[in-house]
N, C-alpha and C. Protein backbone atom coordinates (compact mmCIF):
# COMPACT_ATOMS: atom_id res chain seq x y z
N MET A 1 -74.34 16.29 81.04
CA MET A 1 -74.81 15.34 82.06
C MET A 1 -75.76 16.05 83.03
N SER A 2 -76.86 15.41 83.32
CA SER A 2 -77.83 16.01 84.23
C SER A 2 -77.28 16.08 85.65
N ARG A 3 -77.60 17.18 86.31
CA ARG A 3 -77.20 17.32 87.71
C ARG A 3 -78.21 16.67 88.65
N LEU A 4 -79.29 16.14 88.08
CA LEU A 4 -80.33 15.52 88.91
C LEU A 4 -79.99 14.05 89.14
N VAL A 5 -79.41 13.79 90.27
CA VAL A 5 -79.02 12.42 90.63
C VAL A 5 -79.98 11.84 91.65
N LYS A 6 -80.09 12.50 92.79
CA LYS A 6 -81.01 12.01 93.83
C LYS A 6 -82.46 12.07 93.37
N ASN A 7 -82.77 13.04 92.54
CA ASN A 7 -84.16 13.23 92.11
C ASN A 7 -84.68 12.12 91.21
N LYS A 8 -83.77 11.36 90.60
CA LYS A 8 -84.19 10.35 89.62
C LYS A 8 -85.17 9.34 90.20
N LYS A 9 -84.96 9.01 91.47
CA LYS A 9 -85.82 7.98 92.07
C LYS A 9 -87.28 8.41 92.11
N TYR A 10 -87.53 9.72 91.99
CA TYR A 10 -88.89 10.22 92.06
C TYR A 10 -89.61 10.22 90.71
N PHE A 11 -88.86 10.17 89.61
CA PHE A 11 -89.55 10.23 88.32
C PHE A 11 -89.21 9.08 87.37
N GLU A 12 -88.27 8.22 87.74
CA GLU A 12 -87.92 7.12 86.84
C GLU A 12 -88.81 5.89 87.01
N ASP A 13 -89.30 5.65 88.22
CA ASP A 13 -90.19 4.51 88.46
C ASP A 13 -91.46 5.04 89.10
N THR A 14 -92.32 5.58 88.27
CA THR A 14 -93.52 6.26 88.78
C THR A 14 -94.51 5.31 89.45
N ALA A 15 -94.56 4.08 88.96
CA ALA A 15 -95.49 3.11 89.56
C ALA A 15 -95.07 2.80 90.99
N LYS A 16 -93.78 2.58 91.20
CA LYS A 16 -93.28 2.30 92.54
C LYS A 16 -93.50 3.50 93.46
N LEU A 17 -93.19 4.68 92.95
CA LEU A 17 -93.36 5.90 93.75
C LEU A 17 -94.82 6.07 94.16
N SER A 18 -95.73 5.93 93.22
CA SER A 18 -97.15 6.10 93.51
C SER A 18 -97.63 5.10 94.55
N ALA A 19 -97.13 3.87 94.46
CA ALA A 19 -97.53 2.83 95.42
C ALA A 19 -97.02 3.15 96.82
N GLU A 20 -95.78 3.65 96.91
CA GLU A 20 -95.20 3.98 98.20
C GLU A 20 -95.94 5.16 98.85
N ILE A 21 -96.23 6.17 98.06
CA ILE A 21 -96.94 7.33 98.59
C ILE A 21 -98.35 6.93 99.01
N SER A 22 -99.01 6.12 98.19
CA SER A 22 -100.36 5.67 98.50
C SER A 22 -100.38 4.90 99.82
N ARG A 23 -99.39 4.05 100.01
CA ARG A 23 -99.32 3.27 101.25
C ARG A 23 -99.19 4.20 102.45
N GLU A 24 -98.30 5.19 102.38
CA GLU A 24 -98.10 6.09 103.52
C GLU A 24 -99.36 6.90 103.81
N MET A 25 -100.00 7.38 102.75
CA MET A 25 -101.22 8.15 102.95
C MET A 25 -102.32 7.27 103.57
N THR A 26 -102.45 6.06 103.09
CA THR A 26 -103.49 5.16 103.59
C THR A 26 -103.28 4.82 105.05
N VAL A 27 -102.04 4.48 105.42
CA VAL A 27 -101.75 4.14 106.82
C VAL A 27 -102.02 5.34 107.71
N GLY A 28 -101.54 6.52 107.29
CA GLY A 28 -101.75 7.71 108.09
C GLY A 28 -103.21 8.06 108.26
N LEU A 29 -103.96 8.01 107.18
CA LEU A 29 -105.39 8.33 107.25
C LEU A 29 -106.16 7.30 108.08
N ASP A 30 -105.76 6.04 108.00
CA ASP A 30 -106.40 5.02 108.83
C ASP A 30 -106.18 5.30 110.31
N ILE A 31 -104.96 5.72 110.67
CA ILE A 31 -104.68 6.06 112.06
C ILE A 31 -105.57 7.23 112.50
N LEU A 32 -105.63 8.27 111.68
CA LEU A 32 -106.44 9.44 112.02
C LEU A 32 -107.92 9.10 112.11
N ASN A 33 -108.40 8.29 111.20
CA ASN A 33 -109.82 7.96 111.18
C ASN A 33 -110.25 7.06 112.34
N ASN A 34 -109.28 6.44 113.00
CA ASN A 34 -109.59 5.64 114.18
C ASN A 34 -109.59 6.47 115.46
N ILE A 35 -109.30 7.76 115.32
CA ILE A 35 -109.32 8.67 116.47
C ILE A 35 -110.65 9.43 116.46
N GLN A 36 -111.39 9.33 117.52
CA GLN A 36 -112.72 9.93 117.58
C GLN A 36 -112.76 11.21 118.40
N LYS A 37 -111.63 11.67 118.90
CA LYS A 37 -111.56 12.89 119.69
C LYS A 37 -110.90 14.00 118.88
N PRO A 38 -111.07 15.27 119.28
CA PRO A 38 -110.37 16.34 118.57
C PRO A 38 -108.87 16.21 118.72
N ILE A 39 -108.14 16.68 117.72
CA ILE A 39 -106.69 16.55 117.68
C ILE A 39 -106.04 17.93 117.70
N ALA A 40 -104.97 18.06 118.46
CA ALA A 40 -104.12 19.25 118.42
C ALA A 40 -102.72 18.80 118.02
N THR A 41 -102.14 19.46 117.01
CA THR A 41 -100.82 19.07 116.54
C THR A 41 -99.77 20.07 117.03
N PHE A 42 -98.65 19.53 117.48
CA PHE A 42 -97.54 20.34 117.97
C PHE A 42 -96.36 20.23 117.02
N PHE A 43 -95.77 21.40 116.70
CA PHE A 43 -94.62 21.47 115.80
C PHE A 43 -93.48 22.18 116.52
N GLY A 44 -92.27 22.02 116.00
CA GLY A 44 -91.11 22.70 116.57
C GLY A 44 -89.86 21.88 116.38
N SER A 45 -88.74 22.46 116.68
CA SER A 45 -87.46 21.83 116.42
C SER A 45 -87.27 20.53 117.19
N HIS A 46 -86.67 19.54 116.49
CA HIS A 46 -86.33 18.29 117.18
C HIS A 46 -85.03 18.45 117.97
N LYS A 47 -84.39 19.63 117.85
CA LYS A 47 -83.14 19.87 118.57
C LYS A 47 -83.34 20.62 119.89
N ALA A 48 -84.55 20.98 120.21
CA ALA A 48 -84.81 21.69 121.47
C ALA A 48 -84.40 20.83 122.66
N LYS A 49 -83.72 21.46 123.61
CA LYS A 49 -83.21 20.74 124.78
C LYS A 49 -84.19 20.84 125.95
N ARG A 50 -84.11 19.84 126.80
CA ARG A 50 -85.06 19.80 127.93
C ARG A 50 -84.88 20.98 128.87
N GLU A 51 -83.68 21.54 128.95
CA GLU A 51 -83.45 22.66 129.86
C GLU A 51 -83.97 23.99 129.32
N GLU A 52 -84.40 24.03 128.06
CA GLU A 52 -84.95 25.26 127.50
C GLU A 52 -86.32 25.54 128.14
N PRO A 53 -86.59 26.82 128.47
CA PRO A 53 -87.87 27.16 129.12
C PRO A 53 -89.09 26.71 128.31
N LEU A 54 -89.02 26.81 126.98
CA LEU A 54 -90.18 26.46 126.18
C LEU A 54 -90.42 24.95 126.10
N PHE A 55 -89.43 24.14 126.47
CA PHE A 55 -89.65 22.69 126.52
C PHE A 55 -90.73 22.38 127.55
N GLU A 56 -90.57 22.94 128.75
CA GLU A 56 -91.57 22.72 129.81
C GLU A 56 -92.90 23.36 129.44
N HIS A 57 -92.83 24.50 128.77
CA HIS A 57 -94.03 25.18 128.28
C HIS A 57 -94.82 24.26 127.36
N CYS A 58 -94.12 23.63 126.41
CA CYS A 58 -94.75 22.71 125.46
C CYS A 58 -95.36 21.52 126.17
N LEU A 59 -94.62 20.97 127.11
CA LEU A 59 -95.12 19.83 127.89
C LEU A 59 -96.42 20.21 128.61
N ASN A 60 -96.41 21.37 129.26
CA ASN A 60 -97.59 21.80 130.02
C ASN A 60 -98.78 22.14 129.12
N THR A 61 -98.49 22.70 127.94
CA THR A 61 -99.58 23.00 127.01
C THR A 61 -100.25 21.72 126.53
N ALA A 62 -99.44 20.74 126.15
CA ALA A 62 -99.99 19.46 125.70
C ALA A 62 -100.77 18.78 126.83
N LYS A 63 -100.25 18.90 128.03
CA LYS A 63 -100.93 18.31 129.19
C LYS A 63 -102.29 18.97 129.40
N ARG A 64 -102.36 20.30 129.28
CA ARG A 64 -103.62 21.01 129.45
C ARG A 64 -104.62 20.63 128.36
N LEU A 65 -104.15 20.60 127.12
CA LEU A 65 -105.07 20.26 126.03
C LEU A 65 -105.51 18.80 126.14
N GLY A 66 -104.60 17.94 126.57
CA GLY A 66 -104.97 16.54 126.77
C GLY A 66 -106.05 16.39 127.82
N ALA A 67 -105.95 17.17 128.89
CA ALA A 67 -106.96 17.15 129.95
C ALA A 67 -108.30 17.67 129.47
N MET A 68 -108.26 18.49 128.39
CA MET A 68 -109.50 19.02 127.80
C MET A 68 -110.12 18.04 126.81
N GLY A 69 -109.48 16.90 126.60
CA GLY A 69 -110.04 15.89 125.70
C GLY A 69 -109.40 15.82 124.34
N TYR A 70 -108.31 16.58 124.13
CA TYR A 70 -107.63 16.56 122.84
C TYR A 70 -106.62 15.43 122.76
N VAL A 71 -106.51 14.84 121.61
CA VAL A 71 -105.43 13.91 121.29
C VAL A 71 -104.25 14.76 120.82
N VAL A 72 -103.04 14.40 121.24
CA VAL A 72 -101.85 15.15 120.89
C VAL A 72 -101.12 14.45 119.74
N LEU A 73 -100.95 15.18 118.64
CA LEU A 73 -100.25 14.66 117.46
C LEU A 73 -98.95 15.44 117.30
N THR A 74 -97.84 14.72 117.10
CA THR A 74 -96.53 15.36 116.96
C THR A 74 -95.74 14.70 115.82
N GLY A 75 -94.55 15.26 115.59
CA GLY A 75 -93.65 14.67 114.62
C GLY A 75 -92.96 13.42 115.11
N GLY A 76 -93.30 12.96 116.31
CA GLY A 76 -92.80 11.69 116.81
C GLY A 76 -91.30 11.65 116.99
N ASP A 77 -90.73 12.77 117.43
CA ASP A 77 -89.28 12.87 117.47
C ASP A 77 -88.84 13.41 118.82
N SER A 78 -87.59 13.85 118.88
CA SER A 78 -87.06 14.48 120.07
C SER A 78 -87.46 15.95 120.08
N GLY A 79 -86.88 16.73 121.00
CA GLY A 79 -87.19 18.16 121.07
C GLY A 79 -88.61 18.44 121.50
N PHE A 80 -89.27 19.38 120.79
CA PHE A 80 -90.62 19.78 121.18
C PHE A 80 -91.64 18.66 120.97
N SER A 81 -91.42 17.80 120.00
CA SER A 81 -92.32 16.65 119.83
C SER A 81 -92.30 15.76 121.07
N TYR A 82 -91.11 15.55 121.60
CA TYR A 82 -90.96 14.74 122.80
C TYR A 82 -91.65 15.41 123.99
N ALA A 83 -91.47 16.73 124.10
CA ALA A 83 -92.10 17.46 125.20
C ALA A 83 -93.62 17.32 125.14
N ALA A 84 -94.20 17.52 123.96
CA ALA A 84 -95.65 17.42 123.81
C ALA A 84 -96.14 16.00 124.09
N SER A 85 -95.37 15.01 123.68
CA SER A 85 -95.75 13.62 123.92
C SER A 85 -95.72 13.29 125.41
N LEU A 86 -94.73 13.85 126.12
CA LEU A 86 -94.69 13.67 127.57
C LEU A 86 -95.93 14.28 128.23
N GLY A 87 -96.30 15.48 127.77
CA GLY A 87 -97.49 16.12 128.31
C GLY A 87 -98.74 15.32 128.05
N ALA A 88 -98.83 14.75 126.85
CA ALA A 88 -99.98 13.91 126.52
C ALA A 88 -100.06 12.71 127.45
N ASN A 89 -98.91 12.10 127.71
CA ASN A 89 -98.88 10.95 128.61
C ASN A 89 -99.30 11.32 130.02
N GLU A 90 -98.86 12.50 130.47
CA GLU A 90 -99.21 12.93 131.83
C GLU A 90 -100.70 13.19 131.97
N SER A 91 -101.33 13.60 130.89
CA SER A 91 -102.78 13.84 130.94
C SER A 91 -103.58 12.59 130.58
N GLN A 92 -102.86 11.53 130.22
CA GLN A 92 -103.46 10.23 129.87
C GLN A 92 -104.37 10.32 128.65
N THR A 93 -104.00 11.21 127.71
CA THR A 93 -104.70 11.24 126.44
C THR A 93 -103.90 10.45 125.42
N GLN A 94 -104.48 10.23 124.26
CA GLN A 94 -103.77 9.54 123.19
C GLN A 94 -102.65 10.41 122.63
N SER A 95 -101.55 9.78 122.28
CA SER A 95 -100.40 10.48 121.72
C SER A 95 -100.02 9.81 120.41
N VAL A 96 -100.03 10.60 119.32
CA VAL A 96 -99.75 10.07 117.99
C VAL A 96 -98.44 10.66 117.49
N GLY A 97 -97.54 9.82 117.01
CA GLY A 97 -96.26 10.29 116.50
C GLY A 97 -96.09 9.94 115.03
N PHE A 98 -96.01 10.97 114.17
CA PHE A 98 -95.75 10.77 112.74
C PHE A 98 -94.30 11.17 112.48
N HIS A 99 -93.42 10.19 112.52
CA HIS A 99 -91.98 10.41 112.47
C HIS A 99 -91.48 10.53 111.03
N ALA A 100 -90.47 11.38 110.83
CA ALA A 100 -89.80 11.47 109.53
C ALA A 100 -88.65 10.48 109.50
N ALA A 101 -88.70 9.55 108.56
CA ALA A 101 -87.71 8.47 108.51
C ALA A 101 -86.28 8.99 108.33
N LEU A 102 -86.12 10.13 107.67
CA LEU A 102 -84.77 10.63 107.40
C LEU A 102 -84.08 11.18 108.64
N LEU A 103 -84.85 11.51 109.68
CA LEU A 103 -84.25 12.04 110.90
C LEU A 103 -83.73 10.90 111.77
N LYS A 104 -82.62 11.16 112.42
CA LYS A 104 -82.05 10.20 113.35
C LYS A 104 -82.12 10.80 114.74
N PRO A 105 -83.25 10.63 115.42
CA PRO A 105 -83.44 11.31 116.70
C PRO A 105 -82.50 10.78 117.78
N ASP A 106 -82.23 11.64 118.76
CA ASP A 106 -81.42 11.23 119.89
C ASP A 106 -82.12 10.13 120.68
N TYR A 107 -83.43 10.21 120.69
CA TYR A 107 -84.20 9.16 121.35
C TYR A 107 -85.59 9.13 120.74
N LEU A 108 -86.10 7.95 120.58
CA LEU A 108 -87.46 7.78 120.07
C LEU A 108 -88.11 6.71 120.93
N VAL A 109 -88.96 7.13 121.84
CA VAL A 109 -89.52 6.22 122.84
C VAL A 109 -90.88 5.75 122.36
N ASP A 110 -90.92 4.56 121.79
CA ASP A 110 -92.17 4.05 121.23
C ASP A 110 -93.29 3.97 122.26
N SER A 111 -92.92 3.74 123.52
CA SER A 111 -93.95 3.60 124.55
C SER A 111 -94.72 4.89 124.81
N LEU A 112 -94.20 6.02 124.30
CA LEU A 112 -94.91 7.30 124.46
C LEU A 112 -96.15 7.39 123.60
N TYR A 113 -96.24 6.57 122.56
CA TYR A 113 -97.28 6.76 121.55
C TYR A 113 -98.32 5.65 121.56
N THR A 114 -99.57 6.07 121.45
CA THR A 114 -100.63 5.09 121.27
C THR A 114 -100.71 4.68 119.79
N HIS A 115 -100.25 5.58 118.89
CA HIS A 115 -100.16 5.28 117.46
C HIS A 115 -98.91 5.96 116.93
N SER A 116 -98.19 5.28 116.04
CA SER A 116 -97.02 5.91 115.43
C SER A 116 -96.77 5.31 114.05
N PHE A 117 -96.10 6.12 113.21
CA PHE A 117 -95.76 5.67 111.87
C PHE A 117 -94.59 6.50 111.37
N SER A 118 -93.71 5.88 110.58
CA SER A 118 -92.54 6.56 110.04
C SER A 118 -92.72 6.82 108.55
N PHE A 119 -92.53 8.09 108.14
CA PHE A 119 -92.79 8.51 106.76
C PHE A 119 -91.50 8.77 106.00
N GLU A 120 -91.43 8.24 104.78
CA GLU A 120 -90.34 8.56 103.86
C GLU A 120 -90.61 9.87 103.13
N TYR A 121 -91.89 10.18 102.91
CA TYR A 121 -92.27 11.33 102.08
C TYR A 121 -92.81 12.45 102.97
N LEU A 122 -92.02 13.52 103.04
CA LEU A 122 -92.35 14.59 103.97
C LEU A 122 -93.63 15.32 103.61
N PHE A 123 -93.95 15.42 102.31
CA PHE A 123 -95.19 16.12 101.94
C PHE A 123 -96.41 15.34 102.41
N ALA A 124 -96.32 14.00 102.42
CA ALA A 124 -97.42 13.20 102.94
C ALA A 124 -97.53 13.39 104.45
N ARG A 125 -96.40 13.41 105.10
CA ARG A 125 -96.38 13.62 106.56
C ARG A 125 -96.95 14.99 106.93
N ARG A 126 -96.55 16.05 106.20
CA ARG A 126 -97.06 17.39 106.49
C ARG A 126 -98.58 17.43 106.38
N PHE A 127 -99.09 16.82 105.32
CA PHE A 127 -100.54 16.78 105.09
C PHE A 127 -101.25 16.09 106.24
N LEU A 128 -100.72 14.95 106.65
CA LEU A 128 -101.39 14.15 107.68
C LEU A 128 -101.25 14.77 109.07
N LEU A 129 -100.20 15.54 109.29
CA LEU A 129 -100.04 16.21 110.58
C LEU A 129 -101.11 17.29 110.80
N SER A 130 -101.72 17.74 109.71
CA SER A 130 -102.65 18.86 109.85
C SER A 130 -104.10 18.56 109.49
N ILE A 131 -104.35 17.59 108.61
CA ILE A 131 -105.64 17.53 107.93
C ILE A 131 -106.81 17.22 108.87
N LYS A 132 -106.56 16.57 110.00
CA LYS A 132 -107.66 16.29 110.93
C LYS A 132 -107.49 17.03 112.26
N SER A 133 -106.57 17.98 112.28
CA SER A 133 -106.27 18.69 113.53
C SER A 133 -107.11 19.95 113.65
N GLU A 134 -107.55 20.24 114.85
CA GLU A 134 -108.39 21.41 115.11
C GLU A 134 -107.61 22.56 115.72
N ALA A 135 -106.31 22.36 115.93
CA ALA A 135 -105.41 23.42 116.38
C ALA A 135 -104.00 23.03 116.01
N LEU A 136 -103.22 24.00 115.51
CA LEU A 136 -101.83 23.78 115.12
C LEU A 136 -100.97 24.69 115.98
N VAL A 137 -100.15 24.08 116.84
CA VAL A 137 -99.36 24.84 117.81
C VAL A 137 -97.89 24.76 117.42
N PHE A 138 -97.30 25.91 117.11
CA PHE A 138 -95.93 25.97 116.63
C PHE A 138 -94.99 26.54 117.69
N TYR A 139 -93.98 25.75 118.02
CA TYR A 139 -92.88 26.21 118.85
C TYR A 139 -91.71 26.55 117.93
N PRO A 140 -90.68 27.23 118.41
CA PRO A 140 -89.56 27.62 117.55
C PRO A 140 -88.93 26.44 116.82
N GLY A 141 -88.51 26.69 115.60
CA GLY A 141 -87.87 25.65 114.80
C GLY A 141 -87.17 26.24 113.60
N GLY A 142 -86.65 25.36 112.75
CA GLY A 142 -85.90 25.79 111.57
C GLY A 142 -86.68 25.62 110.28
N PHE A 143 -86.00 25.23 109.21
CA PHE A 143 -86.63 25.14 107.90
C PHE A 143 -87.84 24.22 107.90
N SER A 144 -87.74 23.08 108.57
CA SER A 144 -88.85 22.13 108.57
C SER A 144 -90.09 22.72 109.21
N THR A 145 -89.92 23.36 110.36
CA THR A 145 -91.06 23.98 111.06
C THR A 145 -91.64 25.11 110.23
N LEU A 146 -90.78 25.93 109.63
CA LEU A 146 -91.25 27.03 108.80
C LEU A 146 -91.96 26.52 107.55
N ASN A 147 -91.46 25.43 106.99
CA ASN A 147 -92.09 24.82 105.83
C ASN A 147 -93.51 24.40 106.16
N GLU A 148 -93.66 23.73 107.30
CA GLU A 148 -95.00 23.31 107.74
C GLU A 148 -95.91 24.51 107.97
N LEU A 149 -95.39 25.52 108.66
CA LEU A 149 -96.18 26.70 108.96
C LEU A 149 -96.70 27.36 107.69
N PHE A 150 -95.81 27.60 106.72
CA PHE A 150 -96.22 28.33 105.53
C PHE A 150 -97.10 27.48 104.61
N GLU A 151 -96.91 26.17 104.60
CA GLU A 151 -97.79 25.34 103.79
C GLU A 151 -99.22 25.42 104.32
N TYR A 152 -99.38 25.32 105.64
CA TYR A 152 -100.72 25.35 106.21
C TYR A 152 -101.35 26.73 106.05
N LEU A 153 -100.53 27.78 106.20
CA LEU A 153 -101.05 29.14 106.00
C LEU A 153 -101.56 29.31 104.57
N LEU A 154 -100.81 28.81 103.61
CA LEU A 154 -101.22 28.92 102.21
C LEU A 154 -102.54 28.19 101.97
N LEU A 155 -102.65 26.96 102.46
CA LEU A 155 -103.86 26.18 102.23
C LEU A 155 -105.09 26.84 102.85
N MET A 156 -104.91 27.46 104.02
CA MET A 156 -106.02 28.17 104.65
C MET A 156 -106.31 29.47 103.91
N GLU A 157 -105.26 30.16 103.46
CA GLU A 157 -105.43 31.42 102.76
C GLU A 157 -106.28 31.26 101.50
N ILE A 158 -106.01 30.20 100.74
CA ILE A 158 -106.72 30.03 99.48
C ILE A 158 -108.00 29.21 99.63
N GLY A 159 -108.31 28.79 100.87
CA GLY A 159 -109.57 28.11 101.13
C GLY A 159 -109.59 26.65 100.76
N THR A 160 -108.43 26.04 100.59
CA THR A 160 -108.37 24.62 100.26
C THR A 160 -108.75 23.75 101.44
N VAL A 161 -108.42 24.22 102.65
CA VAL A 161 -108.76 23.49 103.87
C VAL A 161 -109.46 24.44 104.83
N ASP A 162 -110.06 23.89 105.87
CA ASP A 162 -110.70 24.70 106.89
C ASP A 162 -109.66 25.50 107.67
N SER A 163 -110.03 26.70 108.07
CA SER A 163 -109.16 27.49 108.93
C SER A 163 -109.30 27.01 110.37
N VAL A 164 -108.17 26.73 110.98
CA VAL A 164 -108.13 26.38 112.40
C VAL A 164 -107.08 27.27 113.05
N PRO A 165 -107.07 27.37 114.38
CA PRO A 165 -106.08 28.23 115.02
C PRO A 165 -104.64 27.80 114.68
N ILE A 166 -103.84 28.76 114.22
CA ILE A 166 -102.40 28.57 114.06
C ILE A 166 -101.75 29.43 115.12
N ILE A 167 -101.18 28.77 116.13
CA ILE A 167 -100.68 29.46 117.31
C ILE A 167 -99.17 29.31 117.38
N CYS A 168 -98.45 30.42 117.31
CA CYS A 168 -97.00 30.41 117.38
C CYS A 168 -96.58 30.85 118.77
N VAL A 169 -95.86 29.99 119.46
CA VAL A 169 -95.50 30.23 120.86
C VAL A 169 -94.08 30.81 120.95
N GLY A 170 -93.98 31.95 121.63
CA GLY A 170 -92.68 32.58 121.83
C GLY A 170 -92.57 33.86 121.03
N LYS A 171 -93.03 34.97 121.60
CA LYS A 171 -93.03 36.23 120.85
C LYS A 171 -91.63 36.65 120.44
N GLN A 172 -90.66 36.39 121.29
CA GLN A 172 -89.29 36.79 120.97
C GLN A 172 -88.79 36.09 119.70
N PHE A 173 -89.20 34.85 119.50
CA PHE A 173 -88.77 34.09 118.33
C PHE A 173 -89.55 34.47 117.09
N TRP A 174 -90.88 34.61 117.21
CA TRP A 174 -91.75 34.76 116.05
C TRP A 174 -92.02 36.21 115.63
N ALA A 175 -91.78 37.17 116.53
CA ALA A 175 -92.17 38.56 116.24
C ALA A 175 -91.49 39.09 114.98
N GLY A 176 -90.22 38.76 114.78
CA GLY A 176 -89.50 39.25 113.60
C GLY A 176 -90.11 38.75 112.31
N LEU A 177 -90.57 37.50 112.30
CA LEU A 177 -91.21 36.95 111.11
C LEU A 177 -92.50 37.70 110.80
N LYS A 178 -93.30 37.95 111.83
CA LYS A 178 -94.56 38.67 111.63
C LYS A 178 -94.29 40.09 111.12
N GLU A 179 -93.27 40.74 111.67
CA GLU A 179 -92.91 42.09 111.22
C GLU A 179 -92.49 42.09 109.75
N TRP A 180 -91.72 41.09 109.35
CA TRP A 180 -91.30 40.99 107.94
C TRP A 180 -92.50 40.79 107.03
N LEU A 181 -93.44 39.95 107.44
CA LEU A 181 -94.63 39.72 106.62
C LEU A 181 -95.43 41.00 106.44
N VAL A 182 -95.49 41.81 107.50
CA VAL A 182 -96.21 43.08 107.43
C VAL A 182 -95.45 44.08 106.57
N ASP A 183 -94.14 44.15 106.76
CA ASP A 183 -93.33 45.18 106.09
C ASP A 183 -93.02 44.87 104.63
N SER A 184 -93.07 43.60 104.24
CA SER A 184 -92.69 43.27 102.86
C SER A 184 -93.84 42.69 102.04
N PRO A 185 -94.21 41.41 102.19
CA PRO A 185 -95.30 40.89 101.36
C PRO A 185 -96.61 41.66 101.49
N ALA A 186 -96.98 42.04 102.72
CA ALA A 186 -98.25 42.75 102.90
C ALA A 186 -98.23 44.11 102.22
N LYS A 187 -97.12 44.84 102.35
CA LYS A 187 -97.04 46.17 101.73
C LYS A 187 -97.07 46.09 100.21
N LEU A 188 -96.62 44.97 99.66
CA LEU A 188 -96.63 44.79 98.21
C LEU A 188 -97.95 44.18 97.72
N ASP A 189 -98.87 43.97 98.66
CA ASP A 189 -100.19 43.41 98.34
C ASP A 189 -100.06 42.02 97.72
N TYR A 190 -99.18 41.21 98.29
CA TYR A 190 -98.97 39.86 97.78
C TYR A 190 -99.91 38.84 98.42
N PHE A 191 -100.69 39.24 99.39
CA PHE A 191 -101.61 38.31 100.02
C PHE A 191 -102.96 38.35 99.31
N THR A 192 -103.70 37.25 99.42
CA THR A 192 -105.01 37.17 98.79
C THR A 192 -105.99 38.15 99.43
N ARG A 193 -105.94 38.25 100.74
CA ARG A 193 -106.84 39.15 101.48
C ARG A 193 -106.03 39.89 102.53
N ALA A 194 -106.50 41.08 102.88
CA ALA A 194 -105.80 41.87 103.89
C ALA A 194 -105.81 41.17 105.25
N SER A 195 -106.79 40.32 105.46
CA SER A 195 -106.93 39.64 106.76
C SER A 195 -106.06 38.40 106.89
N ASP A 196 -105.31 38.04 105.84
CA ASP A 196 -104.55 36.79 105.88
C ASP A 196 -103.56 36.72 107.03
N LEU A 197 -102.98 37.85 107.39
CA LEU A 197 -102.02 37.84 108.49
C LEU A 197 -102.68 37.48 109.81
N GLY A 198 -103.98 37.63 109.87
CA GLY A 198 -104.71 37.26 111.09
C GLY A 198 -104.81 35.76 111.29
N LEU A 199 -104.36 34.98 110.31
CA LEU A 199 -104.36 33.53 110.47
C LEU A 199 -103.35 33.07 111.52
N ILE A 200 -102.34 33.92 111.78
CA ILE A 200 -101.31 33.59 112.76
C ILE A 200 -101.55 34.38 114.04
N THR A 201 -101.49 33.69 115.18
CA THR A 201 -101.54 34.38 116.46
C THR A 201 -100.27 34.01 117.24
N ILE A 202 -99.55 35.03 117.71
CA ILE A 202 -98.31 34.81 118.45
C ILE A 202 -98.58 35.04 119.93
N VAL A 203 -98.20 34.09 120.76
CA VAL A 203 -98.49 34.16 122.19
C VAL A 203 -97.26 33.77 123.00
N ASP A 204 -97.37 33.98 124.31
CA ASP A 204 -96.27 33.61 125.21
C ASP A 204 -96.66 32.59 126.27
N THR A 205 -97.91 32.59 126.70
CA THR A 205 -98.28 31.77 127.86
C THR A 205 -99.10 30.54 127.47
N VAL A 206 -99.06 29.57 128.36
CA VAL A 206 -99.88 28.36 128.19
C VAL A 206 -101.36 28.72 128.18
N ASP A 207 -101.76 29.62 129.07
CA ASP A 207 -103.16 30.03 129.14
C ASP A 207 -103.64 30.62 127.82
N GLU A 208 -102.78 31.41 127.16
CA GLU A 208 -103.15 32.00 125.88
C GLU A 208 -103.40 30.93 124.82
N VAL A 209 -102.55 29.91 124.80
CA VAL A 209 -102.76 28.82 123.84
C VAL A 209 -104.09 28.13 124.12
N VAL A 210 -104.32 27.79 125.36
CA VAL A 210 -105.55 27.08 125.75
C VAL A 210 -106.78 27.91 125.41
N ASP A 211 -106.73 29.19 125.70
CA ASP A 211 -107.88 30.06 125.42
C ASP A 211 -108.18 30.13 123.93
N LEU A 212 -107.13 30.20 123.10
CA LEU A 212 -107.34 30.26 121.64
C LEU A 212 -107.94 28.95 121.13
N VAL A 213 -107.52 27.84 121.68
CA VAL A 213 -108.08 26.55 121.27
C VAL A 213 -109.55 26.48 121.71
N LYS A 214 -109.86 26.97 122.89
CA LYS A 214 -111.25 26.97 123.36
C LYS A 214 -112.16 27.81 122.49
N GLU A 215 -111.59 28.89 121.94
CA GLU A 215 -112.39 29.84 121.14
C GLU A 215 -112.68 29.37 119.74
N LYS A 216 -112.01 28.35 119.28
CA LYS A 216 -112.08 27.94 117.87
C LYS A 216 -113.53 27.68 117.43
């Protein structure tokens, strides 16, 4: 007996699957194509609490970028997505939320968003969170955040998409990951180019994020 039970829905009715994915991609791309300003996307854990220092950091970063004319795009959830959306609202810029349907957020405030959509397919959501963004700002997170980070790094590494700033906020959180990349994959020459590690910049302050976005 096959152990693939949940997976069946993805390969047994291919016509239905293709139609569902096409719909999500079309809606997402239509939302993005109706935005005429530069976009900055914020990533990070949906479990981040408001009392955490980086919550306010995220809010202030989004507020600064919003004041510079950027539209703020997030995962449309609680945690750091919520912080960035609050910052966008304070700067009176557009706020776009691309929510993952499988998550059950503690709160989802529709009034925070000028545009929002809920995705069943995370790979479609990941693509749309990045494809029109001119800066990708990562706050601490778990598997989902790391998945997004490494997918975008790969696409930029192999030249499939344009390189844009990938900014990881919080040296204490991200430094170990950068050290591992240097000590293991880089030493084994597993990267396409020696400069690939330069795709990631780790910072601590709001000013550093803003300056990197300005330099793009």
